[in-house]
Amino acid sequence: MVRSITNLSRSGLADWMVQRVSAVLLALYTLFLLGIFIANPGLGYEQWQHLFSIFWVKVFTLITLLSLVGHIWVGMWTVVTDYIHNAWVRFIVLFAIAVTSFVYLITGITAVWGV
């Protein structure tokens, strides 16, 4: 039996909440960007850079990025533990997902806060 390492309660409720809350945040961020694209059809580099120099946009982007990493981890952990039964292969796949998610997070933080 595989134990849940995604929450402290081991109940699955926290996993469910992470998935739902992060999905809502990802949807809101998608709608935000869609609104920006619709309102500014000829969006150039300077406007894009100005948008991401605004503090609340940086914070919203950071929260969304953290939500994305949480969403990825809970979802992929669930899929991998359901379908990969060999412990070593499962460990390697989960390790690769964790490292990739961490690299995405660091790259995203650097890109957003470096503007």
PDB file of N, CA and C in Angstrom:
ATOM      1  N   MET A   1       0.839  -1.179   0.000  1.00  0.00           N
ATOM      2  CA  MET A   1       0.000   0.000   0.000  1.00  0.00           C
ATOM      3  C   MET A   1       0.886   1.246   0.000  1.00  0.00           C
ATOM      4  N   VAL A   2       0.502   2.234  -0.766  1.00  0.00           N
ATOM      5  CA  VAL A   2       1.249   3.480  -0.870  1.00  0.00           C
ATOM      6  C   VAL A   2       0.647   4.491   0.093  1.00  0.00           C
ATOM      7  N   ARG A   3       1.512   5.099   0.914  1.00  0.00           N
ATOM      8  CA  ARG A   3       1.040   6.130   1.838  1.00  0.00           C
ATOM      9  C   ARG A   3       1.118   7.486   1.160  1.00  0.00           C
ATOM     10  N   SER A   4       0.208   8.351   1.524  1.00  0.00           N
ATOM     11  CA  SER A   4       0.182   9.696   0.955  1.00  0.00           C
ATOM     12  C   SER A   4       1.285  10.545   1.567  1.00  0.00           C
ATOM     13  N   ILE A   5       2.139  11.107   0.715  1.00  0.00           N
ATOM     14  CA  ILE A   5       3.169  12.016   1.205  1.00  0.00           C
ATOM     15  C   ILE A   5       2.817  13.450   0.861  1.00  0.00           C
ATOM     16  N   THR A   6       1.617  13.643   0.329  1.00  0.00           N
ATOM     17  CA  THR A   6       1.245  14.982  -0.115  1.00  0.00           C
ATOM     18  C   THR A   6       0.570  15.799   0.964  1.00  0.00           C
ATOM     19  N   ASN A   7       0.216  15.199   2.081  1.00  0.00           N
ATOM     20  CA  ASN A   7      -0.386  15.974   3.167  1.00  0.00           C
ATOM     21  C   ASN A   7      -0.028  15.353   4.508  1.00  0.00           C
ATOM     22  N   LEU A   8      -0.279  16.070   5.570  1.00  0.00           N
ATOM     23  CA  LEU A   8       0.048  15.576   6.900  1.00  0.00           C
ATOM     24  C   LEU A   8      -1.055  14.714   7.492  1.00  0.00           C
ATOM     25  N   SER A   9      -2.277  14.913   7.056  1.00  0.00           N
ATOM     26  CA  SER A   9      -3.403  14.206   7.663  1.00  0.00           C
ATOM     27  C   SER A   9      -3.567  12.790   7.133  1.00  0.00           C
ATOM     28  N   ARG A  10      -2.993  12.502   6.008  1.00  0.00           N
ATOM     29  CA  ARG A  10      -3.092  11.188   5.357  1.00  0.00           C
ATOM     30  C   ARG A  10      -4.529  10.831   4.970  1.00  0.00           C
ATOM     31  N   SER A  11      -5.410  11.839   4.919  1.00  0.00           N
ATOM     32  CA  SER A  11      -6.814  11.550   4.656  1.00  0.00           C
ATOM     33  C   SER A  11      -7.204  11.729   3.198  1.00  0.00           C
ATOM     34  N   GLY A  12      -6.443  12.489   2.464  1.00  0.00           N
ATOM     35  CA  GLY A  12      -6.810  12.763   1.088  1.00  0.00           C
ATOM     36  C   GLY A  12      -7.597  14.050   0.935  1.00  0.00           C
ATOM     37  N   LEU A  13      -8.166  14.549   2.020  1.00  0.00           N
ATOM     38  CA  LEU A  13      -8.940  15.783   1.950  1.00  0.00           C
ATOM     39  C   LEU A  13      -8.050  16.967   1.567  1.00  0.00           C
ATOM     40  N   ALA A  14      -6.854  17.014   2.124  1.00  0.00           N
ATOM     41  CA  ALA A  14      -5.932  18.109   1.789  1.00  0.00           C
ATOM     42  C   ALA A  14      -5.540  18.043   0.318  1.00  0.00           C
ATOM     43  N   ASP A  15      -5.322  16.841  -0.200  1.00  0.00           N
ATOM     44  CA  ASP A  15      -5.012  16.680  -1.630  1.00  0.00           C
ATOM     45  C   ASP A  15      -6.158  17.218  -2.478  1.00  0.00           C
ATOM     46  N   TRP A  16      -7.361  16.857  -2.102  1.00  0.00           N
ATOM     47  CA  TRP A  16      -8.542  17.303  -2.835  1.00  0.00           C
ATOM     48  C   TRP A  16      -8.632  18.825  -2.819  1.00  0.00           C
ATOM     49  N   MET A  17      -8.392  19.426  -1.647  1.00  0.00           N
ATOM     50  CA  MET A  17      -8.462  20.886  -1.527  1.00  0.00           C
ATOM     51  C   MET A  17      -7.379  21.570  -2.354  1.00  0.00           C
ATOM     52  N   VAL A  18      -6.165  21.026  -2.332  1.00  0.00           N
ATOM     53  CA  VAL A  18      -5.078  21.605  -3.135  1.00  0.00           C
ATOM     54  C   VAL A  18      -5.460  21.581  -4.605  1.00  0.00           C
ATOM     55  N   GLN A  19      -5.987  20.459  -5.071  1.00  0.00           N
ATOM     56  CA  GLN A  19      -6.374  20.350  -6.479  1.00  0.00           C
ATOM     57  C   GLN A  19      -7.467  21.352  -6.836  1.00  0.00           C
ATOM     58  N   ARG A  20      -8.478  21.480  -5.995  1.00  0.00           N
ATOM     59  CA  ARG A  20      -9.606  22.359  -6.321  1.00  0.00           C
ATOM     60  C   ARG A  20      -9.229  23.829  -6.236  1.00  0.00           C
ATOM     61  N   VAL A  21      -8.555  24.215  -5.170  1.00  0.00           N
ATOM     62  CA  VAL A  21      -8.169  25.621  -5.004  1.00  0.00           C
ATOM     63  C   VAL A  21      -7.175  26.030  -6.082  1.00  0.00           C
ATOM     64  N   SER A  22      -6.201  25.163  -6.365  1.00  0.00           N
ATOM     65  CA  SER A  22      -5.225  25.502  -7.402  1.00  0.00           C
ATOM     66  C   SER A  22      -5.884  25.560  -8.776  1.00  0.00           C
ATOM     67  N   ALA A  23      -6.858  24.708  -9.027  1.00  0.00           N
ATOM     68  CA  ALA A  23      -7.560  24.752 -10.314  1.00  0.00           C
ATOM     69  C   ALA A  23      -8.314  26.069 -10.475  1.00  0.00           C
ATOM     70  N   VAL A  24      -8.944  26.537  -9.408  1.00  0.00           N
ATOM     71  CA  VAL A  24      -9.655  27.820  -9.467  1.00  0.00           C
ATOM     72  C   VAL A  24      -8.669  28.959  -9.714  1.00  0.00           C
ATOM     73  N   LEU A  25      -7.544  28.961  -9.008  1.00  0.00           N
ATOM     74  CA  LEU A  25      -6.541  30.009  -9.208  1.00  0.00           C
ATOM     75  C   LEU A  25      -5.970  29.979 -10.626  1.00  0.00           C
ATOM     76  N   LEU A  26      -5.711  28.788 -11.141  1.00  0.00           N
ATOM     77  CA  LEU A  26      -5.208  28.671 -12.510  1.00  0.00           C
ATOM     78  C   LEU A  26      -6.240  29.172 -13.518  1.00  0.00           C
ATOM     79  N   ALA A  27      -7.510  28.888 -13.273  1.00  0.00           N
ATOM     80  CA  ALA A  27      -8.566  29.378 -14.165  1.00  0.00           C
ATOM     81  C   ALA A  27      -8.665  30.901 -14.105  1.00  0.00           C
ATOM     82  N   LEU A  28      -8.591  31.470 -12.900  1.00  0.00           N
ATOM     83  CA  LEU A  28      -8.643  32.930 -12.766  1.00  0.00           C
ATOM     84  C   LEU A  28      -7.464  33.596 -13.467  1.00  0.00           C
ATOM     85  N   TYR A  29      -6.289  33.025 -13.338  1.00  0.00           N
ATOM     86  CA  TYR A  29      -5.107  33.594 -13.988  1.00  0.00           C
ATOM     87  C   TYR A  29      -5.231  33.495 -15.511  1.00  0.00           C
ATOM     88  N   THR A  30      -5.767  32.377 -15.980  1.00  0.00           N
ATOM     89  CA  THR A  30      -5.992  32.214 -17.418  1.00  0.00           C
ATOM     90  C   THR A  30      -6.969  33.267 -17.925  1.00  0.00           C
ATOM     91  N   LEU A  31      -8.061  33.491 -17.194  1.00  0.00           N
ATOM     92  CA  LEU A  31      -9.026  34.525 -17.585  1.00  0.00           C
ATOM     93  C   LEU A  31      -8.394  35.915 -17.541  1.00  0.00           C
ATOM     94  N   PHE A  32      -7.553  36.167 -16.553  1.00  0.00           N
ATOM     95  CA  PHE A  32      -6.844  37.441 -16.455  1.00  0.00           C
ATOM     96  C   PHE A  32      -5.978  37.666 -17.697  1.00  0.00           C
ATOM     97  N   LEU A  33      -5.177  36.668 -18.061  1.00  0.00           N
ATOM     98  CA  LEU A  33      -4.324  36.808 -19.246  1.00  0.00           C
ATOM     99  C   LEU A  33      -5.153  36.917 -20.521  1.00  0.00           C
ATOM    100  N   LEU A  34      -6.227  36.160 -20.603  1.00  0.00           N
ATOM    101  CA  LEU A  34      -7.111  36.243 -21.766  1.00  0.00           C
ATOM    102  C   LEU A  34      -7.692  37.647 -21.884  1.00  0.00           C
ATOM    103  N   GLY A  35      -8.112  38.223 -20.771  1.00  0.00           N
ATOM    104  CA  GLY A  35      -8.618  39.595 -20.772  1.00  0.00           C
ATOM    105  C   GLY A  35      -7.564  40.591 -21.228  1.00  0.00           C
ATOM    106  N   ILE A  36      -6.328  40.400 -20.800  1.00  0.00           N
ATOM    107  CA  ILE A  36      -5.225  41.272 -21.227  1.00  0.00           C
ATOM    108  C   ILE A  36      -5.030  41.164 -22.735  1.00  0.00           C
ATOM    109  N   PHE A  37      -5.040  39.948 -23.253  1.00  0.00           N
ATOM    110  CA  PHE A  37      -4.848  39.747 -24.697  1.00  0.00           C
ATOM    111  C   PHE A  37      -5.992  40.334 -25.512  1.00  0.00           C
ATOM    112  N   ILE A  38      -7.220  40.204 -25.020  1.00  0.00           N
ATOM    113  CA  ILE A  38      -8.379  40.743 -25.740  1.00  0.00           C
ATOM    114  C   ILE A  38      -8.375  42.271 -25.690  1.00  0.00           C
ATOM    115  N   ALA A  39      -8.042  42.835 -24.533  1.00  0.00           N
ATOM    116  CA  ALA A  39      -8.040  44.294 -24.385  1.00  0.00           C
ATOM    117  C   ALA A  39      -6.875  44.960 -25.111  1.00  0.00           C
ATOM    118  N   ASN A  40      -5.806  44.216 -25.342  1.00  0.00           N
ATOM    119  CA  ASN A  40      -4.602  44.761 -25.990  1.00  0.00           C
ATOM    120  C   ASN A  40      -4.174  43.851 -27.136  1.00  0.00           C
ATOM    121  N   PRO A  41      -4.858  43.917 -28.277  1.00  0.00           N
ATOM    122  CA  PRO A  41      -4.549  42.978 -29.360  1.00  0.00           C
ATOM    123  C   PRO A  41      -3.129  43.117 -29.912  1.00  0.00           C
ATOM    124  N   GLY A  42      -2.546  44.295 -29.866  1.00  0.00           N
ATOM    125  CA  GLY A  42      -1.194  44.480 -30.384  1.00  0.00           C
ATOM    126  C   GLY A  42      -0.171  44.561 -29.264  1.00  0.00           C
ATOM    127  N   LEU A  43      -0.291  43.695 -28.280  1.00  0.00           N
ATOM    128  CA  LEU A  43       0.563  43.742 -27.100  1.00  0.00           C
ATOM    129  C   LEU A  43       2.023  43.522 -27.478  1.00  0.00           C
ATOM    130  N   GLY A  44       2.842  44.515 -27.197  1.00  0.00           N
ATOM    131  CA  GLY A  44       4.262  44.430 -27.508  1.00  0.00           C
ATOM    132  C   GLY A  44       5.090  44.146 -26.270  1.00  0.00           C
ATOM    133  N   TYR A  45       6.385  44.047 -26.474  1.00  0.00           N
ATOM    134  CA  TYR A  45       7.299  43.723 -25.382  1.00  0.00           C
ATOM    135  C   TYR A  45       7.238  44.761 -24.267  1.00  0.00           C
ATOM    136  N   GLU A  46       7.201  46.032 -24.633  1.00  0.00           N
ATOM    137  CA  GLU A  46       7.198  47.093 -23.628  1.00  0.00           C
ATOM    138  C   GLU A  46       5.953  47.033 -22.750  1.00  0.00           C
ATOM    139  N   GLN A  47       4.783  46.800 -23.366  1.00  0.00           N
ATOM    140  CA  GLN A  47       3.537  46.698 -22.596  1.00  0.00           C
ATOM    141  C   GLN A  47       3.550  45.442 -21.701  1.00  0.00           C
ATOM    142  N   TRP A  48       4.078  44.360 -22.249  1.00  0.00           N
ATOM    143  CA  TRP A  48       4.159  43.110 -21.502  1.00  0.00           C
ATOM    144  C   TRP A  48       5.079  43.287 -20.288  1.00  0.00           C
ATOM    145  N   GLN A  49       6.205  43.949 -20.515  1.00  0.00           N
ATOM    146  CA  GLN A  49       7.143  44.207 -19.427  1.00  0.00           C
ATOM    147  C   GLN A  49       6.518  45.138 -18.382  1.00  0.00           C
ATOM    148  N   HIS A  50       5.790  46.153 -18.834  1.00  0.00           N
ATOM    149  CA  HIS A  50       5.122  47.061 -17.898  1.00  0.00           C
ATOM    150  C   HIS A  50       4.078  46.319 -17.062  1.00  0.00           C
ATOM    151  N   LEU A  51       3.311  45.443 -17.701  1.00  0.00           N
ATOM    152  CA  LEU A  51       2.297  44.674 -16.980  1.00  0.00           C
ATOM    153  C   LEU A  51       2.934  43.883 -15.841  1.00  0.00           C
ATOM    154  N   PHE A  52       4.044  43.210 -16.136  1.00  0.00           N
ATOM    155  CA  PHE A  52       4.673  42.372 -15.119  1.00  0.00           C
ATOM    156  C   PHE A  52       5.592  43.148 -14.181  1.00  0.00           C
ATOM    157  N   SER A  53       5.673  44.453 -14.343  1.00  0.00           N
ATOM    158  CA  SER A  53       6.401  45.271 -13.373  1.00  0.00           C
ATOM    159  C   SER A  53       5.470  45.767 -12.268  1.00  0.00           C
ATOM    160  N   ILE A  54       4.171  45.575 -12.442  1.00  0.00           N
ATOM    161  CA  ILE A  54       3.184  45.969 -11.432  1.00  0.00           C
ATOM    162  C   ILE A  54       3.208  44.936 -10.296  1.00  0.00           C
ATOM    163  N   PHE A  55       3.290  45.432  -9.063  1.00  0.00           N
ATOM    164  CA  PHE A  55       3.485  44.557  -7.905  1.00  0.00           C
ATOM    165  C   PHE A  55       2.397  43.493  -7.766  1.00  0.00           C
ATOM    166  N   TRP A  56       1.127  43.891  -7.864  1.00  0.00           N
ATOM    167  CA  TRP A  56       0.049  42.914  -7.650  1.00  0.00           C
ATOM    168  C   TRP A  56       0.022  41.855  -8.744  1.00  0.00           C
ATOM    169  N   VAL A  57       0.474  42.197  -9.959  1.00  0.00           N
ATOM    170  CA  VAL A  57       0.549  41.198 -11.033  1.00  0.00           C
ATOM    171  C   VAL A  57       1.654  40.195 -10.711  1.00  0.00           C
ATOM    172  N   LYS A  58       2.766  40.687 -10.175  1.00  0.00           N
ATOM    173  CA  LYS A  58       3.848  39.788  -9.769  1.00  0.00           C
ATOM    174  C   LYS A  58       3.380  38.837  -8.667  1.00  0.00           C
ATOM    175  N   VAL A  59       2.662  39.374  -7.695  1.00  0.00           N
ATOM    176  CA  VAL A  59       2.170  38.545  -6.589  1.00  0.00           C
ATOM    177  C   VAL A  59       1.157  37.523  -7.104  1.00  0.00           C
ATOM    178  N   PHE A  60       0.224  37.962  -7.941  1.00  0.00           N
ATOM    179  CA  PHE A  60      -0.775  37.057  -8.526  1.00  0.00           C
ATOM    180  C   PHE A  60      -0.085  35.961  -9.341  1.00  0.00           C
ATOM    181  N   THR A  61       0.933  36.329 -10.095  1.00  0.00           N
ATOM    182  CA  THR A  61       1.673  35.357 -10.894  1.00  0.00           C
ATOM    183  C   THR A  61       2.413  34.376  -9.993  1.00  0.00           C
ATOM    184  N   LEU A  62       3.021  34.866  -8.921  1.00  0.00           N
ATOM    185  CA  LEU A  62       3.736  33.988  -7.995  1.00  0.00           C
ATOM    186  C   LEU A  62       2.779  33.009  -7.314  1.00  0.00           C
ATOM    187  N   ILE A  63       1.635  33.502  -6.861  1.00  0.00           N
ATOM    188  CA  ILE A  63       0.641  32.624  -6.232  1.00  0.00           C
ATOM    189  C   ILE A  63       0.157  31.576  -7.231  1.00  0.00           C
ATOM    190  N   THR A  64      -0.052  31.994  -8.465  1.00  0.00           N
ATOM    191  CA  THR A  64      -0.491  31.060  -9.494  1.00  0.00           C
ATOM    192  C   THR A  64       0.589  30.030  -9.793  1.00  0.00           C
ATOM    193  N   LEU A  65       1.832  30.455  -9.824  1.00  0.00           N
ATOM    194  CA  LEU A  65       2.944  29.539 -10.066  1.00  0.00           C
ATOM    195  C   LEU A  65       3.060  28.509  -8.942  1.00  0.00           C
ATOM    196  N   LEU A  66       2.922  28.951  -7.708  1.00  0.00           N
ATOM    197  CA  LEU A  66       2.929  28.018  -6.575  1.00  0.00           C
ATOM    198  C   LEU A  66       1.739  27.059  -6.646  1.00  0.00           C
ATOM    199  N   SER A  67       0.592  27.574  -7.062  1.00  0.00           N
ATOM    200  CA  SER A  67      -0.591  26.725  -7.232  1.00  0.00           C
ATOM    201  C   SER A  67      -0.365  25.688  -8.317  1.00  0.00           C
ATOM    202  N   LEU A  68       0.287  26.103  -9.399  1.00  0.00           N
ATOM    203  CA  LEU A  68       0.582  25.174 -10.493  1.00  0.00           C
ATOM    204  C   LEU A  68       1.481  24.043 -10.019  1.00  0.00           C
ATOM    205  N   VAL A  69       2.511  24.371  -9.251  1.00  0.00           N
ATOM    206  CA  VAL A  69       3.414  23.337  -8.749  1.00  0.00           C
ATOM    207  C   VAL A  69       2.670  22.388  -7.806  1.00  0.00           C
ATOM    208  N   GLY A  70       1.830  22.923  -6.924  1.00  0.00           N
ATOM    209  CA  GLY A  70       1.029  22.068  -6.051  1.00  0.00           C
ATOM    210  C   GLY A  70       0.074  21.184  -6.833  1.00  0.00           C
ATOM    211  N   HIS A  71      -0.546  21.752  -7.853  1.00  0.00           N
ATOM    212  CA  HIS A  71      -1.474  21.008  -8.709  1.00  0.00           C
ATOM    213  C   HIS A  71      -0.740  19.877  -9.437  1.00  0.00           C
ATOM    214  N   ILE A  72       0.423  20.207  -9.974  1.00  0.00           N
ATOM    215  CA  ILE A  72       1.234  19.197 -10.665  1.00  0.00           C
ATOM    216  C   ILE A  72       1.598  18.073  -9.705  1.00  0.00           C
ATOM    217  N   TRP A  73       2.092  18.436  -8.515  1.00  0.00           N
ATOM    218  CA  TRP A  73       2.567  17.412  -7.590  1.00  0.00           C
ATOM    219  C   TRP A  73       1.442  16.477  -7.149  1.00  0.00           C
ATOM    220  N   VAL A  74       0.327  17.022  -6.713  1.00  0.00           N
ATOM    221  CA  VAL A  74      -0.771  16.173  -6.233  1.00  0.00           C
ATOM    222  C   VAL A  74      -1.308  15.303  -7.369  1.00  0.00           C
ATOM    223  N   GLY A  75      -1.521  15.898  -8.529  1.00  0.00           N
ATOM    224  CA  GLY A  75      -2.058  15.135  -9.655  1.00  0.00           C
ATOM    225  C   GLY A  75      -1.123  14.046 -10.140  1.00  0.00           C
ATOM    226  N   MET A  76       0.143  14.395 -10.325  1.00  0.00           N
ATOM    227  CA  MET A  76       1.096  13.404 -10.826  1.00  0.00           C
ATOM    228  C   MET A  76       1.412  12.351  -9.776  1.00  0.00           C
ATOM    229  N   TRP A  77       1.460  12.740  -8.505  1.00  0.00           N
ATOM    230  CA  TRP A  77       1.682  11.760  -7.450  1.00  0.00           C
ATOM    231  C   TRP A  77       0.561  10.721  -7.459  1.00  0.00           C
ATOM    232  N   THR A  78      -0.665  11.191  -7.619  1.00  0.00           N
ATOM    233  CA  THR A  78      -1.812  10.283  -7.645  1.00  0.00           C
ATOM    234  C   THR A  78      -1.730   9.325  -8.827  1.00  0.00           C
ATOM    235  N   VAL A  79      -1.445   9.855 -10.009  1.00  0.00           N
ATOM    236  CA  VAL A  79      -1.362   9.020 -11.210  1.00  0.00           C
ATOM    237  C   VAL A  79      -0.211   8.021 -11.099  1.00  0.00           C
ATOM    238  N   VAL A  80       0.955   8.503 -10.686  1.00  0.00           N
ATOM    239  CA  VAL A  80       2.131   7.630 -10.607  1.00  0.00           C
ATOM    240  C   VAL A  80       1.922   6.524  -9.579  1.00  0.00           C
ATOM    241  N   THR A  81       1.398   6.848  -8.408  1.00  0.00           N
ATOM    242  CA  THR A  81       1.205   5.808  -7.395  1.00  0.00           C
ATOM    243  C   THR A  81       0.090   4.836  -7.772  1.00  0.00           C
ATOM    244  N   ASP A  82      -0.835   5.259  -8.609  1.00  0.00           N
ATOM    245  CA  ASP A  82      -1.887   4.349  -9.071  1.00  0.00           C
ATOM    246  C   ASP A  82      -1.388   3.382 -10.142  1.00  0.00           C
ATOM    247  N   TYR A  83      -0.502   3.832 -11.013  1.00  0.00           N
ATOM    248  CA  TYR A  83      -0.159   3.048 -12.195  1.00  0.00           C
ATOM    249  C   TYR A  83       1.258   2.504 -12.230  1.00  0.00           C
ATOM    250  N   ILE A  84       2.156   2.980 -11.397  1.00  0.00           N
ATOM    251  CA  ILE A  84       3.517   2.439 -11.368  1.00  0.00           C
ATOM    252  C   ILE A  84       3.687   1.709 -10.039  1.00  0.00           C
ATOM    253  N   HIS A  85       3.797   0.395 -10.117  1.00  0.00           N
ATOM    254  CA  HIS A  85       3.800  -0.419  -8.911  1.00  0.00           C
ATOM    255  C   HIS A  85       5.201  -0.731  -8.394  1.00  0.00           C
ATOM    256  N   ASN A  86       6.195  -0.733  -9.262  1.00  0.00           N
ATOM    257  CA  ASN A  86       7.564  -0.976  -8.838  1.00  0.00           C
ATOM    258  C   ASN A  86       8.056   0.231  -8.042  1.00  0.00           C
ATOM    259  N   ALA A  87       8.504  -0.022  -6.814  1.00  0.00           N
ATOM    260  CA  ALA A  87       8.871   1.072  -5.905  1.00  0.00           C
ATOM    261  C   ALA A  87      10.018   1.916  -6.443  1.00  0.00           C
ATOM    262  N   TRP A  88      11.022   1.296  -7.027  1.00  0.00           N
ATOM    263  CA  TRP A  88      12.167   2.060  -7.531  1.00  0.00           C
ATOM    264  C   TRP A  88      11.800   2.918  -8.727  1.00  0.00           C
ATOM    265  N   VAL A  89      11.031   2.358  -9.631  1.00  0.00           N
ATOM    266  CA  VAL A  89      10.604   3.130 -10.805  1.00  0.00           C
ATOM    267  C   VAL A  89       9.718   4.289 -10.359  1.00  0.00           C
ATOM    268  N   ARG A  90       8.813   3.998  -9.427  1.00  0.00           N
ATOM    269  CA  ARG A  90       7.937   5.049  -8.904  1.00  0.00           C
ATOM    270  C   ARG A  90       8.758   6.160  -8.245  1.00  0.00           C
ATOM    271  N   PHE A  91       9.777   5.789  -7.461  1.00  0.00           N
ATOM    272  CA  PHE A  91      10.637   6.774  -6.820  1.00  0.00           C
ATOM    273  C   PHE A  91      11.354   7.634  -7.855  1.00  0.00           C
ATOM    274  N   ILE A  92      11.893   7.011  -8.877  1.00  0.00           N
ATOM    275  CA  ILE A  92      12.621   7.753  -9.920  1.00  0.00           C
ATOM    276  C   ILE A  92      11.691   8.711 -10.650  1.00  0.00           C
ATOM    277  N   VAL A  93      10.501   8.246 -11.006  1.00  0.00           N
ATOM    278  CA  VAL A  93       9.544   9.101 -11.722  1.00  0.00           C
ATOM    279  C   VAL A  93       9.106  10.269 -10.833  1.00  0.00           C
ATOM    280  N   LEU A  94       8.792   9.993  -9.581  1.00  0.00           N
ATOM    281  CA  LEU A  94       8.381  11.068  -8.669  1.00  0.00           C
ATOM    282  C   LEU A  94       9.523  12.046  -8.405  1.00  0.00           C
ATOM    283  N   PHE A  95      10.739  11.527  -8.315  1.00  0.00           N
ATOM    284  CA  PHE A  95      11.896  12.398  -8.134  1.00  0.00           C
ATOM    285  C   PHE A  95      12.070  13.309  -9.347  1.00  0.00           C
ATOM    286  N   ALA A  96      11.924  12.743 -10.548  1.00  0.00           N
ATOM    287  CA  ALA A  96      12.041  13.548 -11.775  1.00  0.00           C
ATOM    288  C   ALA A  96      10.953  14.620 -11.828  1.00  0.00           C
ATOM    289  N   ILE A  97       9.743  14.268 -11.429  1.00  0.00           N
ATOM    290  CA  ILE A  97       8.645  15.245 -11.408  1.00  0.00           C
ATOM    291  C   ILE A  97       8.939  16.348 -10.386  1.00  0.00           C
ATOM    292  N   ALA A  98       9.437  15.973  -9.219  1.00  0.00           N
ATOM    293  CA  ALA A  98       9.749  16.962  -8.181  1.00  0.00           C
ATOM    294  C   ALA A  98      10.855  17.908  -8.638  1.00  0.00           C
ATOM    295  N   VAL A  99      11.910  17.362  -9.234  1.00  0.00           N
ATOM    296  CA  VAL A  99      13.016  18.204  -9.704  1.00  0.00           C
ATOM    297  C   VAL A  99      12.544  19.129 -10.818  1.00  0.00           C
ATOM    298  N   THR A 100      11.786  18.591 -11.765  1.00  0.00           N
ATOM    299  CA  THR A 100      11.277  19.407 -12.871  1.00  0.00           C
ATOM    300  C   THR A 100      10.364  20.518 -12.351  1.00  0.00           C
ATOM    301  N   SER A 101       9.487  20.192 -11.423  1.00  0.00           N
ATOM    302  CA  SER A 101       8.592  21.204 -10.844  1.00  0.00           C
ATOM    303  C   SER A 101       9.381  22.282 -10.115  1.00  0.00           C
ATOM    304  N   PHE A 102      10.419  21.871  -9.392  1.00  0.00           N
ATOM    305  CA  PHE A 102      11.257  22.833  -8.679  1.00  0.00           C
ATOM    306  C   PHE A 102      11.979  23.761  -9.652  1.00  0.00           C
ATOM    307  N   VAL A 103      12.499  23.195 -10.734  1.00  0.00           N
ATOM    308  CA  VAL A 103      13.181  24.010 -11.748  1.00  0.00           C
ATOM    309  C   VAL A 103      12.198  24.988 -12.380  1.00  0.00           C
ATOM    310  N   TYR A 104      10.985  24.526 -12.697  1.00  0.00           N
ATOM    311  CA  TYR A 104       9.959  25.424 -13.237  1.00  0.00           C
ATOM    312  C   TYR A 104       9.659  26.551 -12.257  1.00  0.00           C
ATOM    313  N   LEU A 105       9.544  26.212 -10.981  1.00  0.00           N
ATOM    314  CA  LEU A 105       9.238  27.216  -9.963  1.00  0.00           C
ATOM    315  C   LEU A 105      10.350  28.262  -9.864  1.00  0.00           C
ATOM    316  N   ILE A 106      11.581  27.822  -9.788  1.00  0.00           N
ATOM    317  CA  ILE A 106      12.710  28.754  -9.684  1.00  0.00           C
ATOM    318  C   ILE A 106      12.822  29.604 -10.941  1.00  0.00           C
ATOM    319  N   THR A 107      12.648  28.991 -12.105  1.00  0.00           N
ATOM    320  CA  THR A 107      12.699  29.737 -13.364  1.00  0.00           C
ATOM    321  C   THR A 107      11.584  30.776 -13.419  1.00  0.00           C
ATOM    322  N   GLY A 108      10.386  30.394 -13.010  1.00  0.00           N
ATOM    323  CA  GLY A 108       9.257  31.325 -13.003  1.00  0.00           C
ATOM    324  C   GLY A 108       9.460  32.480 -12.040  1.00  0.00           C
ATOM    325  N   ILE A 109       9.950  32.178 -10.849  1.00  0.00           N
ATOM    326  CA  ILE A 109      10.205  33.239  -9.869  1.00  0.00           C
ATOM    327  C   ILE A 109      11.265  34.193 -10.393  1.00  0.00           C
ATOM    328  N   THR A 110      12.324  33.640 -10.976  1.00  0.00           N
ATOM    329  CA  THR A 110      13.391  34.477 -11.530  1.00  0.00           C
ATOM    330  C   THR A 110      12.871  35.345 -12.664  1.00  0.00           C
ATOM    331  N   ALA A 111      12.042  34.773 -13.518  1.00  0.00           N
ATOM    332  CA  ALA A 111      11.513  35.536 -14.656  1.00  0.00           C
ATOM    333  C   ALA A 111      10.580  36.650 -14.196  1.00  0.00           C
ATOM    334  N   VAL A 112       9.706  36.355 -13.255  1.00  0.00           N
ATOM    335  CA  VAL A 112       8.720  37.350 -12.821  1.00  0.00           C
ATOM    336  C   VAL A 112       9.357  38.434 -11.962  1.00  0.00           C
ATOM    337  N   TRP A 113      10.157  38.068 -11.008  1.00  0.00           N
ATOM    338  CA  TRP A 113      10.725  39.055 -10.087  1.00  0.00           C
ATOM    339  C   TRP A 113      11.986  39.695 -10.635  1.00  0.00           C
ATOM    340  N   GLY A 114      12.473  39.198 -11.771  1.00  0.00           N
ATOM    341  CA  GLY A 114      13.634  39.816 -12.396  1.00  0.00           C
ATOM    342  C   GLY A 114      13.275  40.986 -13.286  1.00  0.00           C
ATOM    343  N   VAL A 115      11.964  41.175 -13.550  1.00  0.00           N
ATOM    344  CA  VAL A 115      11.523  42.264 -14.437  1.00  0.00           C
ATOM    345  C   VAL A 115      11.622  43.584 -13.712  1.00  0.00           C
TER     346      VAL A 115
END
